[in-house]
């Protein structure tokens, strides 16, 4: 994978993490609704998975 593609992948991963975690930051009734759906836990699990994927991609990038 070339450097521009790696940079784009990194930006996509970071942007996805930010976009997916933003809804959980709202206060009030929305938090109660989200808590009842289990969505925050799902977002946290996805965030953890994306973090792991990002770290693996970064290690791969550093080894190239």
PDB file of N, CA and C in Angstrom:
ATOM      1  N   UNK A   1       0.855  -1.173   0.000  1.00  0.00           N
ATOM      2  CA  UNK A   1       0.000   0.000   0.000  1.00  0.00           C
ATOM      3  C   UNK A   1       0.900   1.235   0.000  1.00  0.00           C
ATOM      4  N   UNK A   2       0.588   2.203  -0.861  1.00  0.00           N
ATOM      5  CA  UNK A   2       1.430   3.396  -0.937  1.00  0.00           C
ATOM      6  C   UNK A   2       1.077   4.398   0.164  1.00  0.00           C
ATOM      7  N   UNK A   3       1.952   5.369   0.355  1.00  0.00           N
ATOM      8  CA  UNK A   3       1.782   6.315   1.456  1.00  0.00           C
ATOM      9  C   UNK A   3       0.484   7.118   1.368  1.00  0.00           C
ATOM     10  N   UNK A   4       0.067   7.645   0.198  1.00  0.00           N
ATOM     11  CA  UNK A   4      -1.214   8.371   0.146  1.00  0.00           C
ATOM     12  C   UNK A   4      -2.400   7.493   0.544  1.00  0.00           C
ATOM     13  N   UNK A   5      -2.369   6.233   0.159  1.00  0.00           N
ATOM     14  CA  UNK A   5      -3.454   5.325   0.532  1.00  0.00           C
ATOM     15  C   UNK A   5      -3.455   5.082   2.036  1.00  0.00           C
ATOM     16  N   UNK A   6      -2.269   4.940   2.622  1.00  0.00           N
ATOM     17  CA  UNK A   6      -2.171   4.748   4.070  1.00  0.00           C
ATOM     18  C   UNK A   6      -2.661   5.986   4.812  1.00  0.00           C
ATOM     19  N   UNK A   7      -2.317   7.160   4.302  1.00  0.00           N
ATOM     20  CA  UNK A   7      -2.766   8.408   4.917  1.00  0.00           C
ATOM     21  C   UNK A   7      -4.281   8.512   4.839  1.00  0.00           C
ATOM     22  N   UNK A   8      -4.850   8.145   3.700  1.00  0.00           N
ATOM     23  CA  UNK A   8      -6.305   8.182   3.537  1.00  0.00           C
ATOM     24  C   UNK A   8      -6.977   7.192   4.478  1.00  0.00           C
ATOM     25  N   UNK A   9      -6.414   6.003   4.621  1.00  0.00           N
ATOM     26  CA  UNK A   9      -6.965   5.004   5.528  1.00  0.00           C
ATOM     27  C   UNK A   9      -6.917   5.502   6.964  1.00  0.00           C
ATOM     28  N   UNK A  10      -5.820   6.102   7.360  1.00  0.00           N
ATOM     29  CA  UNK A  10      -5.691   6.656   8.704  1.00  0.00           C
ATOM     30  C   UNK A  10      -6.745   7.728   8.944  1.00  0.00           C
ATOM     31  N   UNK A  11      -6.918   8.634   7.995  1.00  0.00           N
ATOM     32  CA  UNK A  11      -7.918   9.695   8.129  1.00  0.00           C
ATOM     33  C   UNK A  11      -9.319   9.108   8.215  1.00  0.00           C
ATOM     34  N   UNK A  12      -9.594   8.085   7.420  1.00  0.00           N
ATOM     35  CA  UNK A  12     -10.903   7.443   7.442  1.00  0.00           C
ATOM     36  C   UNK A  12     -11.169   6.796   8.792  1.00  0.00           C
ATOM     37  N   UNK A  13     -10.191   6.093   9.330  1.00  0.00           N
ATOM     38  CA  UNK A  13     -10.358   5.457  10.635  1.00  0.00           C
ATOM     39  C   UNK A  13     -10.589   6.483  11.735  1.00  0.00           C
ATOM     40  N   UNK A  14      -9.781   7.533  11.747  1.00  0.00           N
ATOM     41  CA  UNK A  14      -9.936   8.558  12.779  1.00  0.00           C
ATOM     42  C   UNK A  14     -11.261   9.292  12.631  1.00  0.00           C
ATOM     43  N   UNK A  15     -11.651   9.601  11.408  1.00  0.00           N
ATOM     44  CA  UNK A  15     -12.929  10.265  11.172  1.00  0.00           C
ATOM     45  C   UNK A  15     -14.098   9.391  11.580  1.00  0.00           C
ATOM     46  N   UNK A  16     -13.998   8.104  11.303  1.00  0.00           N
ATOM     47  CA  UNK A  16     -15.059   7.179  11.690  1.00  0.00           C
ATOM     48  C   UNK A  16     -15.201   7.074  13.191  1.00  0.00           C
ATOM     49  N   UNK A  17     -14.098   7.030  13.896  1.00  0.00           N
ATOM     50  CA  UNK A  17     -14.139   6.983  15.358  1.00  0.00           C
ATOM     51  C   UNK A  17     -14.801   8.238  15.900  1.00  0.00           C
ATOM     52  N   UNK A  18     -14.403   9.390  15.398  1.00  0.00           N
ATOM     53  CA  UNK A  18     -14.986  10.651  15.866  1.00  0.00           C
ATOM     54  C   UNK A  18     -16.476  10.710  15.564  1.00  0.00           C
ATOM     55  N   UNK A  19     -16.874  10.291  14.375  1.00  0.00           N
ATOM     56  CA  UNK A  19     -18.284  10.346  13.987  1.00  0.00           C
ATOM     57  C   UNK A  19     -19.126   9.379  14.806  1.00  0.00           C
ATOM     58  N   UNK A  20     -18.593   8.218  15.097  1.00  0.00           N
ATOM     59  CA  UNK A  20     -19.369   7.224  15.826  1.00  0.00           C
ATOM     60  C   UNK A  20     -19.462   7.521  17.310  1.00  0.00           C
ATOM     61  N   UNK A  21     -18.499   8.184  17.862  1.00  0.00           N
ATOM     62  CA  UNK A  21     -18.543   8.478  19.290  1.00  0.00           C
ATOM     63  C   UNK A  21     -19.267   9.776  19.591  1.00  0.00           C
ATOM     64  N   UNK A  22     -19.448  10.652  18.615  1.00  0.00           N
ATOM     65  CA  UNK A  22     -20.109  11.940  18.846  1.00  0.00           C
ATOM     66  C   UNK A  22     -21.541  11.806  19.361  1.00  0.00           C
ATOM     67  N   UNK A  23     -22.392  10.912  18.824  1.00  0.00           N
ATOM     68  CA  UNK A  23     -23.771  10.853  19.323  1.00  0.00           C
ATOM     69  C   UNK A  23     -23.865  10.522  20.806  1.00  0.00           C
ATOM     70  N   UNK A  24     -22.917   9.771  21.338  1.00  0.00           N
ATOM     71  CA  UNK A  24     -22.957   9.399  22.750  1.00  0.00           C
ATOM     72  C   UNK A  24     -22.652  10.583  23.665  1.00  0.00           C
ATOM     73  N   UNK A  25     -22.179  11.683  23.101  1.00  0.00           N
ATOM     74  CA  UNK A  25     -21.799  12.833  23.916  1.00  0.00           C
ATOM     75  C   UNK A  25     -22.975  13.754  24.228  1.00  0.00           C
ATOM     76  N   UNK A  26     -24.132  13.579  23.574  1.00  0.00           N
ATOM     77  CA  UNK A  26     -25.283  14.443  23.829  1.00  0.00           C
ATOM     78  C   UNK A  26     -25.842  14.178  25.220  1.00  0.00           C
ATOM     79  N   UNK A  27     -26.400  15.228  25.839  1.00  0.00           N
ATOM     80  CA  UNK A  27     -26.899  15.111  27.212  1.00  0.00           C
ATOM     81  C   UNK A  27     -28.415  14.964  27.241  1.00  0.00           C
ATOM     82  N   UNK A  28     -28.929  14.592  28.411  1.00  0.00           N
ATOM     83  CA  UNK A  28     -30.370  14.612  28.648  1.00  0.00           C
ATOM     84  C   UNK A  28     -31.102  13.383  28.157  1.00  0.00           C
ATOM     85  N   UNK A  29     -32.294  13.640  27.592  1.00  0.00           N
ATOM     86  CA  UNK A  29     -33.183  12.553  27.182  1.00  0.00           C
ATOM     87  C   UNK A  29     -32.546  11.656  26.133  1.00  0.00           C
ATOM     88  N   UNK A  30     -31.751  12.237  25.266  1.00  0.00           N
ATOM     89  CA  UNK A  30     -31.104  11.424  24.240  1.00  0.00           C
ATOM     90  C   UNK A  30     -30.200  10.377  24.875  1.00  0.00           C
ATOM     91  N   UNK A  31     -29.475  10.744  25.921  1.00  0.00           N
ATOM     92  CA  UNK A  31     -28.627   9.772  26.612  1.00  0.00           C
ATOM     93  C   UNK A  31     -29.463   8.632  27.179  1.00  0.00           C
ATOM     94  N   UNK A  32     -30.613   8.967  27.785  1.00  0.00           N
ATOM     95  CA  UNK A  32     -31.482   7.930  28.341  1.00  0.00           C
ATOM     96  C   UNK A  32     -31.958   6.982  27.246  1.00  0.00           C
ATOM     97  N   UNK A  33     -32.346   7.547  26.112  1.00  0.00           N
ATOM     98  CA  UNK A  33     -32.808   6.722  24.993  1.00  0.00           C
ATOM     99  C   UNK A  33     -31.686   5.830  24.485  1.00  0.00           C
ATOM    100  N   UNK A  34     -30.502   6.403  24.311  1.00  0.00           N
ATOM    101  CA  UNK A  34     -29.368   5.614  23.832  1.00  0.00           C
ATOM    102  C   UNK A  34     -28.996   4.520  24.823  1.00  0.00           C
ATOM    103  N   UNK A  35     -29.035   4.841  26.113  1.00  0.00           N
ATOM    104  CA  UNK A  35     -28.696   3.841  27.119  1.00  0.00           C
ATOM    105  C   UNK A  35     -29.653   2.657  27.047  1.00  0.00           C
ATOM    106  N   UNK A  36     -30.929   2.940  26.785  1.00  0.00           N
ATOM    107  CA  UNK A  36     -31.926   1.873  26.713  1.00  0.00           C
ATOM    108  C   UNK A  36     -31.753   0.998  25.473  1.00  0.00           C
ATOM    109  N   UNK A  37     -31.134   1.514  24.440  1.00  0.00           N
ATOM    110  CA  UNK A  37     -30.941   0.732  23.215  1.00  0.00           C
ATOM    111  C   UNK A  37     -29.656  -0.082  23.233  1.00  0.00           C
ATOM    112  N   UNK A  38     -28.746   0.257  24.121  1.00  0.00           N
ATOM    113  CA  UNK A  38     -27.449  -0.413  24.137  1.00  0.00           C
ATOM    114  C   UNK A  38     -26.490   0.148  23.100  1.00  0.00           C
ATOM    115  N   UNK A  39     -26.902   1.212  22.421  1.00  0.00           N
ATOM    116  CA  UNK A  39     -26.062   1.793  21.377  1.00  0.00           C
ATOM    117  C   UNK A  39     -24.706   2.274  21.896  1.00  0.00           C
ATOM    118  N   UNK A  40     -24.654   2.940  23.061  1.00  0.00           N
ATOM    119  CA  UNK A  40     -23.327   3.380  23.537  1.00  0.00           C
ATOM    120  C   UNK A  40     -22.345   2.223  23.726  1.00  0.00           C
ATOM    121  N   UNK A  41     -22.845   1.086  24.205  1.00  0.00           N
ATOM    122  CA  UNK A  41     -21.961  -0.067  24.380  1.00  0.00           C
ATOM    123  C   UNK A  41     -21.485  -0.584  23.025  1.00  0.00           C
ATOM    124  N   UNK A  42     -22.381  -0.561  22.048  1.00  0.00           N
ATOM    125  CA  UNK A  42     -21.998  -0.982  20.702  1.00  0.00           C
ATOM    126  C   UNK A  42     -20.967  -0.051  20.097  1.00  0.00           C
ATOM    127  N   UNK A  43     -21.169   1.250  20.323  1.00  0.00           N
ATOM    128  CA  UNK A  43     -20.218   2.239  19.814  1.00  0.00           C
ATOM    129  C   UNK A  43     -18.865   2.056  20.494  1.00  0.00           C
ATOM    130  N   UNK A  44     -18.885   1.817  21.799  1.00  0.00           N
ATOM    131  CA  UNK A  44     -17.630   1.615  22.527  1.00  0.00           C
ATOM    132  C   UNK A  44     -16.896   0.380  22.001  1.00  0.00           C
ATOM    133  N   UNK A  45     -17.639  -0.690  21.725  1.00  0.00           N
ATOM    134  CA  UNK A  45     -17.015  -1.905  21.196  1.00  0.00           C
ATOM    135  C   UNK A  45     -16.437  -1.651  19.805  1.00  0.00           C
ATOM    136  N   UNK A  46     -17.182  -0.925  18.979  1.00  0.00           N
ATOM    137  CA  UNK A  46     -16.691  -0.604  17.638  1.00  0.00           C
ATOM    138  C   UNK A  46     -15.471   0.305  17.722  1.00  0.00           C
ATOM    139  N   UNK A  47     -15.520   1.263  18.639  1.00  0.00           N
ATOM    140  CA  UNK A  47     -14.389   2.170  18.835  1.00  0.00           C
ATOM    141  C   UNK A  47     -13.134   1.381  19.211  1.00  0.00           C
ATOM    142  N   UNK A  48     -13.305   0.411  20.100  1.00  0.00           N
ATOM    143  CA  UNK A  48     -12.179  -0.432  20.507  1.00  0.00           C
ATOM    144  C   UNK A  48     -11.643  -1.228  19.318  1.00  0.00           C
ATOM    145  N   UNK A  49     -12.555  -1.764  18.504  1.00  0.00           N
ATOM    146  CA  UNK A  49     -12.137  -2.520  17.323  1.00  0.00           C
ATOM    147  C   UNK A  49     -11.401  -1.633  16.333  1.00  0.00           C
ATOM    148  N   UNK A  50     -11.916  -0.415  16.131  1.00  0.00           N
ATOM    149  CA  UNK A  50     -11.267   0.512  15.206  1.00  0.00           C
ATOM    150  C   UNK A  50      -9.901   0.937  15.730  1.00  0.00           C
ATOM    151  N   UNK A  51      -9.807   1.136  17.051  1.00  0.00           N
ATOM    152  CA  UNK A  51      -8.507   1.476  17.640  1.00  0.00           C
ATOM    153  C   UNK A  51      -7.496   0.363  17.378  1.00  0.00           C
ATOM    154  N   UNK A  52      -7.929  -0.874  17.567  1.00  0.00           N
ATOM    155  CA  UNK A  52      -7.030  -2.006  17.342  1.00  0.00           C
ATOM    156  C   UNK A  52      -6.622  -2.084  15.870  1.00  0.00           C
ATOM    157  N   UNK A  53      -7.585  -1.866  14.976  1.00  0.00           N
ATOM    158  CA  UNK A  53      -7.278  -1.902  13.544  1.00  0.00           C
ATOM    159  C   UNK A  53      -6.321  -0.776  13.167  1.00  0.00           C
ATOM    160  N   UNK A  54      -6.544   0.399  13.747  1.00  0.00           N
ATOM    161  CA  UNK A  54      -5.662   1.533  13.476  1.00  0.00           C
ATOM    162  C   UNK A  54      -4.243   1.244  13.958  1.00  0.00           C
ATOM    163  N   UNK A  55      -4.117   0.690  15.155  1.00  0.00           N
ATOM    164  CA  UNK A  55      -2.794   0.370  15.684  1.00  0.00           C
ATOM    165  C   UNK A  55      -2.090  -0.668  14.805  1.00  0.00           C
ATOM    166  N   UNK A  56      -2.841  -1.664  14.350  1.00  0.00           N
ATOM    167  CA  UNK A  56      -2.254  -2.684  13.483  1.00  0.00           C
ATOM    168  C   UNK A  56      -1.820  -2.071  12.154  1.00  0.00           C
ATOM    169  N   UNK A  57      -2.668  -1.214  11.585  1.00  0.00           N
ATOM    170  CA  UNK A  57      -2.316  -0.554  10.325  1.00  0.00           C
ATOM    171  C   UNK A  57      -1.099   0.342  10.511  1.00  0.00           C
ATOM    172  N   UNK A  58      -1.033   1.009  11.644  1.00  0.00           N
ATOM    173  CA  UNK A  58       0.093   1.896  11.924  1.00  0.00           C
ATOM    174  C   UNK A  58       1.389   1.096  12.064  1.00  0.00           C
ATOM    175  N   UNK A  59       1.320  -0.045  12.749  1.00  0.00           N
ATOM    176  CA  UNK A  59       2.513  -0.900  12.878  1.00  0.00           C
ATOM    177  C   UNK A  59       2.953  -1.394  11.503  1.00  0.00           C
ATOM    178  N   UNK A  60       1.976  -1.766  10.681  1.00  0.00           N
ATOM    179  CA  UNK A  60       2.291  -2.230   9.325  1.00  0.00           C
ATOM    180  C   UNK A  60       2.947  -1.107   8.527  1.00  0.00           C
ATOM    181  N   UNK A  61       2.412   0.095   8.670  1.00  0.00           N
ATOM    182  CA  UNK A  61       2.952   1.262   7.969  1.00  0.00           C
ATOM    183  C   UNK A  61       4.387   1.539   8.409  1.00  0.00           C
ATOM    184  N   UNK A  62       4.647   1.447   9.712  1.00  0.00           N
ATOM    185  CA  UNK A  62       5.987   1.717  10.231  1.00  0.00           C
ATOM    186  C   UNK A  62       6.987   0.660   9.768  1.00  0.00           C
ATOM    187  N   UNK A  63       6.513  -0.553   9.507  1.00  0.00           N
ATOM    188  CA  UNK A  63       7.400  -1.640   9.081  1.00  0.00           C
ATOM    189  C   UNK A  63       7.694  -1.610   7.590  1.00  0.00           C
ATOM    190  N   UNK A  64       6.965  -0.805   6.832  1.00  0.00           N
ATOM    191  CA  UNK A  64       7.203  -0.719   5.372  1.00  0.00           C
ATOM    192  C   UNK A  64       8.455   0.045   5.051  1.00  0.00           C
TER     193      UNK A  64
END
